[in-house]
Structure formats: C-alpha cells, structure tokens
Amino acid sequence: MRQEPGRPRVVVLKTQYRQMRNYNYLIVDPRSGQAVAVDPAWEMDKIDSALAQTGASLRGILLTHSHPDHIDLAAPLSEKHGCPVWMSHREIATSGFSCRRLTGIDAVPRYVGEMEIQPVFTPGHTPGCLCYLIDDSLFTGDVLFAEGCGLCPDLQSAYAMFSSLQYLKALIGPDTRVFPGHSYGKPPGQPFVDLLRDNMYLQFSDRESFAAFRLRRLSGGTSIFGV
C-alpha cells in the first residue's frame, strides 16, 4: 500500500498466540512522529520493533472492545510508554475491564499529533464496541471483517450489529480502507467499496433477515464465528 506524504502511516502487525491470529496496528502521524496502537496483543517485540523502525513515540492505545485477544498488551504497553488507554464508556461499564490510565470515550474526536481519531460507536459483537476512523482508514476490531462480521451472542446483539453496519455504510466512503482484527483470507486494508460488493453481511436490508443469517448454526450446532 503506497504511503502518501503527510498522511498517517498504518503499520500492520500480525500476531499469534497458540491457534489464535490477530491483526494489531500502529498508526503514525508523520508530522509529529506520534503514534497510537490498536488492540495490541501478545507480541510486544513486534510493537517495539515497529516503533523503532518508524521512529515514533506511542501516545495512545485504542481498544475496540474488551475481549482478551484485543486487550492483552494494553496495560503493560501503557505502563511502558506512559500513555492513555481508550475504550468506550459502555464497554468499560459492561465488561468490568480496568487498567491504569484507562479513559472512557464517546463520539468526540481525539487528537494525537495532527491525527484526528474519530471513535464510532458500533455495538453488536459486544455492547460497547468501537471502530476508529483515522483519515481514510477504519479500524474495526471484530465488528467488520473483509469477509464477514463478528459473532453476535443473541438476537438483540444481532439487531444492534445490523444497525451498526448500516451506520458504517452511511458514514464512510467507498475508498475508506478497512483494517479488521482478524482476516479470513483477504489482507487488511481492503477498500470499503469491495466489501460493499463482496461481504454478504452488508447486503441485507432488514434486521430480521440479517439476524437469522448471523445467528445460523452449522449442522453440528456450532455457531459460525467470523464469517
């Protein structure tokens, strides 16, 4: 992906713990040299290496939600760099997650260096899920993948997920790059126009049909997680 001068740089970090694979991200403001990390987990050395290679200083940690594979390094990374950890007020209240420097946020933009960070409230996978819009990049955690969307534990959460995806469709442009927490085949950074064409979860026009499809089960009774 070509880096345009003056625009935030997205460093993609693929991490793994046993059979689990995640994508973490470091977003660097080239003007100030300040950076934020999204959902850091498991491999501190990869984050340290990315910071060293970019010459950036970490000034914030953005958490999309409170599941263990998305918050694993939030506390130690915050302690190491003395930076805040951001999560939605709703997620903090419903999950019980806590760490030093944890700060609740809502829809008000935050700034790191000259980067505007727009939190986007997208409940469904969890009650307080956030996406983060930075320039033309959307960091979606487990809300939206290139190939699908995250697990919804019950009917009401599936309804919430449908509303969140509809909101994203109205909010972001076709050229916005989507950077999810997981990949099921396509690499991070797919343009949203491709998801609009190929992602089955973005095709539904009513919440009942969406919920029935999202909550479907395999023949053995196992819930379909990501796609």
C-alpha atoms as a PDB file:
ATOM      1  CA  MET A   1       0.000   0.000   0.000  1.00  0.00           C
ATOM      2  CA  ARG A   2       1.542   3.324  -1.073  1.00  0.00           C
ATOM      3  CA  GLN A   3       2.095   5.919   1.638  1.00  0.00           C
ATOM      4  CA  GLU A   4       1.068   9.429   0.653  1.00  0.00           C
ATOM      5  CA  PRO A   5       3.221  12.244   2.103  1.00  0.00           C
ATOM      6  CA  GLY A   6       1.728  13.842   5.197  1.00  0.00           C
ATOM      7  CA  ARG A   7      -0.958  11.213   5.736  1.00  0.00           C
ATOM      8  CA  PRO A   8      -0.990   8.827   8.694  1.00  0.00           C
ATOM      9  CA  ARG A   9       1.005   5.664   8.141  1.00  0.00           C
ATOM     10  CA  VAL A  10      -0.623   2.339   9.033  1.00  0.00           C
ATOM     11  CA  VAL A  11       1.788  -0.385  10.145  1.00  0.00           C
ATOM     12  CA  VAL A  12       0.126  -3.819  10.074  1.00  0.00           C
ATOM     13  CA  LEU A  13       1.276  -6.249  12.774  1.00  0.00           C
ATOM     14  CA  LYS A  14       0.169  -9.869  12.553  1.00  0.00           C
ATOM     15  CA  THR A  15       0.333 -11.559  15.950  1.00  0.00           C
ATOM     16  CA  GLN A  16      -0.340 -15.072  17.155  1.00  0.00           C
ATOM     17  CA  TYR A  17      -0.966 -16.948  20.395  1.00  0.00           C
ATOM     18  CA  ARG A  18      -1.318 -20.697  20.003  1.00  0.00           C
ATOM     19  CA  GLN A  19      -4.014 -21.130  17.335  1.00  0.00           C
ATOM     20  CA  MET A  20      -5.306 -17.572  17.535  1.00  0.00           C
ATOM     21  CA  ARG A  21      -4.200 -14.950  14.997  1.00  0.00           C
ATOM     22  CA  ASN A  22      -4.912 -11.247  15.270  1.00  0.00           C
ATOM     23  CA  TYR A  23      -4.035  -8.056  13.498  1.00  0.00           C
ATOM     24  CA  ASN A  24      -2.705  -5.182  15.584  1.00  0.00           C
ATOM     25  CA  TYR A  25      -1.999  -1.784  14.102  1.00  0.00           C
ATOM     26  CA  LEU A  26       0.365   1.084  14.723  1.00  0.00           C
ATOM     27  CA  ILE A  27      -0.803   4.363  13.187  1.00  0.00           C
ATOM     28  CA  VAL A  28       1.903   7.007  12.911  1.00  0.00           C
ATOM     29  CA  ASP A  29       1.447  10.730  12.359  1.00  0.00           C
ATOM     30  CA  PRO A  30       4.389  11.612  10.080  1.00  0.00           C
ATOM     31  CA  ARG A  31       4.360  15.284  11.030  1.00  0.00           C
ATOM     32  CA  SER A  32       4.717  14.861  14.788  1.00  0.00           C
ATOM     33  CA  GLY A  33       6.184  11.357  14.983  1.00  0.00           C
ATOM     34  CA  GLN A  34       3.465  10.403  17.469  1.00  0.00           C
ATOM     35  CA  ALA A  35       1.565   7.146  17.180  1.00  0.00           C
ATOM     36  CA  VAL A  36      -1.341   5.101  18.521  1.00  0.00           C
ATOM     37  CA  ALA A  37      -1.720   1.322  18.736  1.00  0.00           C
ATOM     38  CA  VAL A  38      -4.970  -0.535  18.071  1.00  0.00           C
ATOM     39  CA  ASP A  39      -5.861  -3.668  20.071  1.00  0.00           C
ATOM     40  CA  PRO A  40      -2.290  -4.670  20.985  1.00  0.00           C
ATOM     41  CA  ALA A  41      -1.912  -8.330  21.903  1.00  0.00           C
ATOM     42  CA  TRP A  42       0.698 -10.986  22.640  1.00  0.00           C
ATOM     43  CA  GLU A  43       3.873  -9.942  20.811  1.00  0.00           C
ATOM     44  CA  MET A  44       5.364  -6.879  22.466  1.00  0.00           C
ATOM     45  CA  ASP A  45       8.550  -7.231  20.432  1.00  0.00           C
ATOM     46  CA  LYS A  46       6.661  -6.573  17.188  1.00  0.00           C
ATOM     47  CA  ILE A  47       5.281  -3.318  18.565  1.00  0.00           C
ATOM     48  CA  ASP A  48       8.696  -2.303  19.905  1.00  0.00           C
ATOM     49  CA  SER A  49      10.249  -3.065  16.521  1.00  0.00           C
ATOM     50  CA  ALA A  50       7.597  -1.070  14.639  1.00  0.00           C
ATOM     51  CA  LEU A  51       8.099   1.922  16.931  1.00  0.00           C
ATOM     52  CA  ALA A  52      11.853   1.733  16.459  1.00  0.00           C
ATOM     53  CA  GLN A  53      11.637   1.388  12.686  1.00  0.00           C
ATOM     54  CA  THR A  54       9.259   4.322  12.327  1.00  0.00           C
ATOM     55  CA  GLY A  55      10.996   6.447  14.956  1.00  0.00           C
ATOM     56  CA  ALA A  56       7.588   7.073  16.516  1.00  0.00           C
ATOM     57  CA  SER A  57       6.593   7.624  20.151  1.00  0.00           C
ATOM     58  CA  LEU A  58       3.478   5.874  21.420  1.00  0.00           C
ATOM     59  CA  ARG A  59       0.891   8.366  22.698  1.00  0.00           C
ATOM     60  CA  GLY A  60      -2.268   6.289  22.972  1.00  0.00           C
ATOM     61  CA  ILE A  61      -3.815   2.816  22.845  1.00  0.00           C
ATOM     62  CA  LEU A  62      -7.176   2.367  21.124  1.00  0.00           C
ATOM     63  CA  LEU A  63      -9.258  -0.622  22.212  1.00  0.00           C
ATOM     64  CA  THR A  64     -12.186  -1.663  20.045  1.00  0.00           C
ATOM     65  CA  HIS A  65     -13.639  -3.942  22.730  1.00  0.00           C
ATOM     66  CA  SER A  66     -12.728  -5.887  25.842  1.00  0.00           C
ATOM     67  CA  HIS A  67     -12.178  -9.468  24.634  1.00  0.00           C
ATOM     68  CA  PRO A  68      -8.853 -10.878  25.878  1.00  0.00           C
ATOM     69  CA  ASP A  69      -7.249 -11.164  22.443  1.00  0.00           C
ATOM     70  CA  HIS A  70      -7.747  -7.425  21.897  1.00  0.00           C
ATOM     71  CA  ILE A  71      -6.618  -6.080  25.282  1.00  0.00           C
ATOM     72  CA  ASP A  72      -3.759  -8.437  26.146  1.00  0.00           C
ATOM     73  CA  LEU A  73      -0.948  -5.864  25.986  1.00  0.00           C
ATOM     74  CA  ALA A  74      -2.939  -2.731  26.786  1.00  0.00           C
ATOM     75  CA  ALA A  75      -1.856  -2.437  30.414  1.00  0.00           C
ATOM     76  CA  PRO A  76       1.855  -3.302  30.035  1.00  0.00           C
ATOM     77  CA  LEU A  77       2.189  -1.190  26.895  1.00  0.00           C
ATOM     78  CA  SER A  78       0.550   1.755  28.645  1.00  0.00           C
ATOM     79  CA  GLU A  79       2.897   1.375  31.612  1.00  0.00           C
ATOM     80  CA  LYS A  80       5.919   1.140  29.358  1.00  0.00           C
ATOM     81  CA  HIS A  81       5.104   4.313  27.426  1.00  0.00           C
ATOM     82  CA  GLY A  82       3.050   6.257  29.971  1.00  0.00           C
ATOM     83  CA  CYS A  83       0.158   6.692  27.540  1.00  0.00           C
ATOM     84  CA  PRO A  84      -3.640   6.519  27.932  1.00  0.00           C
ATOM     85  CA  VAL A  85      -5.783   3.517  27.053  1.00  0.00           C
ATOM     86  CA  TRP A  86      -9.056   4.431  25.357  1.00  0.00           C
ATOM     87  CA  MET A  87     -12.243   2.358  25.342  1.00  0.00           C
ATOM     88  CA  SER A  88     -15.914   3.292  25.160  1.00  0.00           C
ATOM     89  CA  HIS A  89     -17.688   4.188  28.393  1.00  0.00           C
ATOM     90  CA  ARG A  90     -20.258   1.491  27.646  1.00  0.00           C
ATOM     91  CA  GLU A  91     -17.635  -1.214  27.177  1.00  0.00           C
ATOM     92  CA  ILE A  92     -15.919  -0.284  30.421  1.00  0.00           C
ATOM     93  CA  ALA A  93     -19.232  -0.401  32.291  1.00  0.00           C
ATOM     94  CA  THR A  94     -20.420  -3.707  30.843  1.00  0.00           C
ATOM     95  CA  SER A  95     -17.110  -5.597  30.742  1.00  0.00           C
ATOM     96  CA  GLY A  96     -15.503  -4.633  34.014  1.00  0.00           C
ATOM     97  CA  PHE A  97     -12.167  -4.156  32.247  1.00  0.00           C
ATOM     98  CA  SER A  98      -9.810  -1.931  34.171  1.00  0.00           C
ATOM     99  CA  CYS A  99      -6.228  -0.789  33.960  1.00  0.00           C
ATOM    100  CA  ARG A 100      -4.206   2.226  34.970  1.00  0.00           C
ATOM    101  CA  ARG A 101      -4.697   5.193  32.581  1.00  0.00           C
ATOM    102  CA  LEU A 102      -7.911   3.679  31.174  1.00  0.00           C
ATOM    103  CA  THR A 103     -10.059   6.512  29.824  1.00  0.00           C
ATOM    104  CA  GLY A 104     -13.656   6.230  28.678  1.00  0.00           C
ATOM    105  CA  ILE A 105     -14.509   7.904  25.394  1.00  0.00           C
ATOM    106  CA  ASP A 106     -17.600   8.559  23.306  1.00  0.00           C
ATOM    107  CA  ALA A 107     -18.085  10.010  19.828  1.00  0.00           C
ATOM    108  CA  VAL A 108     -15.953  13.120  20.410  1.00  0.00           C
ATOM    109  CA  PRO A 109     -12.786  13.118  18.263  1.00  0.00           C
ATOM    110  CA  ARG A 110      -9.406  12.802  19.927  1.00  0.00           C
ATOM    111  CA  TYR A 111      -6.109  14.090  18.579  1.00  0.00           C
ATOM    112  CA  VAL A 112      -2.655  12.560  18.665  1.00  0.00           C
ATOM    113  CA  GLY A 113      -0.167  14.843  16.996  1.00  0.00           C
ATOM    114  CA  GLU A 114      -2.090  16.133  13.985  1.00  0.00           C
ATOM    115  CA  MET A 115      -4.137  12.949  13.581  1.00  0.00           C
ATOM    116  CA  GLU A 116      -7.841  13.185  14.226  1.00  0.00           C
ATOM    117  CA  ILE A 117      -9.177   9.972  15.751  1.00  0.00           C
ATOM    118  CA  GLN A 118     -12.934   9.598  15.390  1.00  0.00           C
ATOM    119  CA  PRO A 119     -14.470   6.933  17.652  1.00  0.00           C
ATOM    120  CA  VAL A 120     -17.501   5.298  16.013  1.00  0.00           C
ATOM    121  CA  PHE A 121     -19.929   3.533  18.355  1.00  0.00           C
ATOM    122  CA  THR A 122     -20.797   0.167  16.777  1.00  0.00           C
ATOM    123  CA  PRO A 123     -22.384  -2.209  19.317  1.00  0.00           C
ATOM    124  CA  GLY A 124     -23.322  -5.771  18.446  1.00  0.00           C
ATOM    125  CA  HIS A 125     -20.311  -8.011  18.959  1.00  0.00           C
ATOM    126  CA  THR A 126     -20.164  -6.520  22.452  1.00  0.00           C
ATOM    127  CA  PRO A 127     -22.382  -3.798  23.959  1.00  0.00           C
ATOM    128  CA  GLY A 128     -19.697  -1.113  23.711  1.00  0.00           C
ATOM    129  CA  CYS A 129     -17.728  -1.896  20.566  1.00  0.00           C
ATOM    130  CA  LEU A 130     -15.962   0.994  18.883  1.00  0.00           C
ATOM    131  CA  CYS A 131     -14.458   1.399  15.462  1.00  0.00           C
ATOM    132  CA  TYR A 132     -11.895   4.142  14.931  1.00  0.00           C
ATOM    133  CA  LEU A 133     -11.772   6.319  11.830  1.00  0.00           C
ATOM    134  CA  ILE A 134      -8.378   7.918  11.195  1.00  0.00           C
ATOM    135  CA  ASP A 135      -8.051   9.793   7.920  1.00  0.00           C
ATOM    136  CA  ASP A 136      -9.207   7.282   5.265  1.00  0.00           C
ATOM    137  CA  SER A 137      -8.642   4.194   7.432  1.00  0.00           C
ATOM    138  CA  LEU A 138     -11.268   2.448   9.587  1.00  0.00           C
ATOM    139  CA  PHE A 139     -10.135   0.096  12.346  1.00  0.00           C
ATOM    140  CA  THR A 140     -12.994  -2.279  13.036  1.00  0.00           C
ATOM    141  CA  GLY A 141     -11.838  -4.869  15.574  1.00  0.00           C
ATOM    142  CA  ASP A 142     -14.439  -7.649  15.488  1.00  0.00           C
ATOM    143  CA  VAL A 143     -17.279  -5.532  14.099  1.00  0.00           C
ATOM    144  CA  LEU A 144     -16.500  -5.898  10.406  1.00  0.00           C
ATOM    145  CA  PHE A 145     -14.118  -8.150   8.501  1.00  0.00           C
ATOM    146  CA  ALA A 146     -13.439  -8.146   4.789  1.00  0.00           C
ATOM    147  CA  GLU A 147     -15.299 -11.451   4.548  1.00  0.00           C
ATOM    148  CA  GLY A 148     -17.955 -11.154   7.259  1.00  0.00           C
ATOM    149  CA  CYS A 149     -18.713  -9.699  10.683  1.00  0.00           C
ATOM    150  CA  GLY A 150     -18.173 -10.681  14.288  1.00  0.00           C
ATOM    151  CA  LEU A 151     -20.128 -13.113  16.406  1.00  0.00           C
ATOM    152  CA  CYS A 152     -23.397 -11.880  17.922  1.00  0.00           C
ATOM    153  CA  PRO A 153     -24.338 -13.808  21.059  1.00  0.00           C
ATOM    154  CA  ASP A 154     -28.114 -13.292  20.876  1.00  0.00           C
ATOM    155  CA  LEU A 155     -30.957 -11.748  18.908  1.00  0.00           C
ATOM    156  CA  GLN A 156     -30.714  -8.265  20.390  1.00  0.00           C
ATOM    157  CA  SER A 157     -26.988  -8.086  19.713  1.00  0.00           C
ATOM    158  CA  ALA A 158     -27.614  -9.211  16.117  1.00  0.00           C
ATOM    159  CA  TYR A 159     -30.122  -6.377  15.740  1.00  0.00           C
ATOM    160  CA  ALA A 160     -27.510  -3.994  17.150  1.00  0.00           C
ATOM    161  CA  MET A 161     -24.888  -5.313  14.735  1.00  0.00           C
ATOM    162  CA  PHE A 162     -27.224  -4.765  11.789  1.00  0.00           C
ATOM    163  CA  SER A 163     -27.756  -1.149  12.866  1.00  0.00           C
ATOM    164  CA  SER A 164     -24.011  -0.650  13.332  1.00  0.00           C
ATOM    165  CA  LEU A 165     -23.206  -1.966   9.857  1.00  0.00           C
ATOM    166  CA  GLN A 166     -25.915   0.192   8.340  1.00  0.00           C
ATOM    167  CA  TYR A 167     -24.430   3.172  10.149  1.00  0.00           C
ATOM    168  CA  LEU A 168     -20.971   2.421   8.774  1.00  0.00           C
ATOM    169  CA  LYS A 169     -22.418   2.158   5.264  1.00  0.00           C
ATOM    170  CA  ALA A 170     -23.836   5.671   5.632  1.00  0.00           C
ATOM    171  CA  LEU A 171     -20.759   7.105   7.348  1.00  0.00           C
ATOM    172  CA  ILE A 172     -17.707   6.075   5.381  1.00  0.00           C
ATOM    173  CA  GLY A 173     -16.778   6.496   1.758  1.00  0.00           C
ATOM    174  CA  PRO A 174     -16.069   3.779  -0.810  1.00  0.00           C
ATOM    175  CA  ASP A 175     -12.331   4.435  -0.742  1.00  0.00           C
ATOM    176  CA  THR A 176     -12.028   4.052   3.027  1.00  0.00           C
ATOM    177  CA  ARG A 177      -9.626   1.232   3.883  1.00  0.00           C
ATOM    178  CA  VAL A 178     -10.896  -1.322   6.394  1.00  0.00           C
ATOM    179  CA  PHE A 179      -8.447  -2.758   8.917  1.00  0.00           C
ATOM    180  CA  PRO A 180     -10.105  -5.537  10.987  1.00  0.00           C
ATOM    181  CA  GLY A 181      -8.889  -7.520  13.964  1.00  0.00           C
ATOM    182  CA  HIS A 182      -8.903 -10.775  12.013  1.00  0.00           C
ATOM    183  CA  SER A 183      -8.638 -11.973   8.438  1.00  0.00           C
ATOM    184  CA  TYR A 184     -10.352 -14.969   6.861  1.00  0.00           C
ATOM    185  CA  GLY A 185      -8.469 -14.764   3.583  1.00  0.00           C
ATOM    186  CA  LYS A 186      -8.111 -11.162   2.429  1.00  0.00           C
ATOM    187  CA  PRO A 187      -5.319  -8.973   3.830  1.00  0.00           C
ATOM    188  CA  PRO A 188      -6.145  -5.878   5.901  1.00  0.00           C
ATOM    189  CA  GLY A 189      -6.702  -2.591   4.124  1.00  0.00           C
ATOM    190  CA  GLN A 190      -9.390  -3.602   1.646  1.00  0.00           C
ATOM    191  CA  PRO A 191     -11.359  -0.632   0.237  1.00  0.00           C
ATOM    192  CA  PHE A 192     -14.879  -0.419   1.575  1.00  0.00           C
ATOM    193  CA  VAL A 193     -16.296  -0.487  -1.955  1.00  0.00           C
ATOM    194  CA  ASP A 194     -15.031  -4.066  -2.279  1.00  0.00           C
ATOM    195  CA  LEU A 195     -16.739  -5.058   0.969  1.00  0.00           C
ATOM    196  CA  LEU A 196     -19.970  -3.470  -0.217  1.00  0.00           C
ATOM    197  CA  ARG A 197     -19.786  -5.727  -3.246  1.00  0.00           C
ATOM    198  CA  ASP A 198     -18.494  -8.969  -1.685  1.00  0.00           C
ATOM    199  CA  ASN A 199     -19.377  -9.081   2.024  1.00  0.00           C
ATOM    200  CA  MET A 200     -22.688 -10.892   2.448  1.00  0.00           C
ATOM    201  CA  TYR A 201     -23.439  -9.134   5.749  1.00  0.00           C
ATOM    202  CA  LEU A 202     -23.593  -5.775   4.006  1.00  0.00           C
ATOM    203  CA  GLN A 203     -26.278  -6.945   1.580  1.00  0.00           C
ATOM    204  CA  PHE A 204     -29.219  -7.250   3.993  1.00  0.00           C
ATOM    205  CA  SER A 205     -31.847  -4.529   4.027  1.00  0.00           C
ATOM    206  CA  ASP A 206     -33.786  -5.611   7.134  1.00  0.00           C
ATOM    207  CA  ARG A 207     -32.673  -6.640  10.559  1.00  0.00           C
ATOM    208  CA  GLU A 208     -34.762  -9.832  10.766  1.00  0.00           C
ATOM    209  CA  SER A 209     -33.099 -11.421   7.743  1.00  0.00           C
ATOM    210  CA  PHE A 210     -29.696 -10.248   8.919  1.00  0.00           C
ATOM    211  CA  ALA A 211     -30.216 -11.668  12.422  1.00  0.00           C
ATOM    212  CA  ALA A 212     -31.435 -15.026  11.111  1.00  0.00           C
ATOM    213  CA  PHE A 213     -28.342 -15.329   8.933  1.00  0.00           C
ATOM    214  CA  ARG A 214     -25.889 -14.109  11.574  1.00  0.00           C
ATOM    215  CA  LEU A 215     -27.273 -16.479  14.220  1.00  0.00           C
ATOM    216  CA  ARG A 216     -27.392 -19.525  11.946  1.00  0.00           C
ATOM    217  CA  ARG A 217     -25.590 -22.636  13.088  1.00  0.00           C
ATOM    218  CA  LEU A 218     -23.634 -25.378  11.459  1.00  0.00           C
ATOM    219  CA  SER A 219     -25.212 -28.819  11.219  1.00  0.00           C
ATOM    220  CA  GLY A 220     -23.439 -29.878  14.412  1.00  0.00           C
ATOM    221  CA  GLY A 221     -24.922 -26.964  16.350  1.00  0.00           C
ATOM    222  CA  THR A 222     -21.769 -24.865  16.385  1.00  0.00           C
ATOM    223  CA  SER A 223     -22.170 -21.140  15.924  1.00  0.00           C
ATOM    224  CA  ILE A 224     -20.348 -19.631  12.960  1.00  0.00           C
ATOM    225  CA  PHE A 225     -17.851 -17.143  14.412  1.00  0.00           C
ATOM    226  CA  GLY A 226     -16.338 -14.788  11.914  1.00  0.00           C
ATOM    227  CA  VAL A 227     -17.977 -15.339   8.564  1.00  0.00           C
END
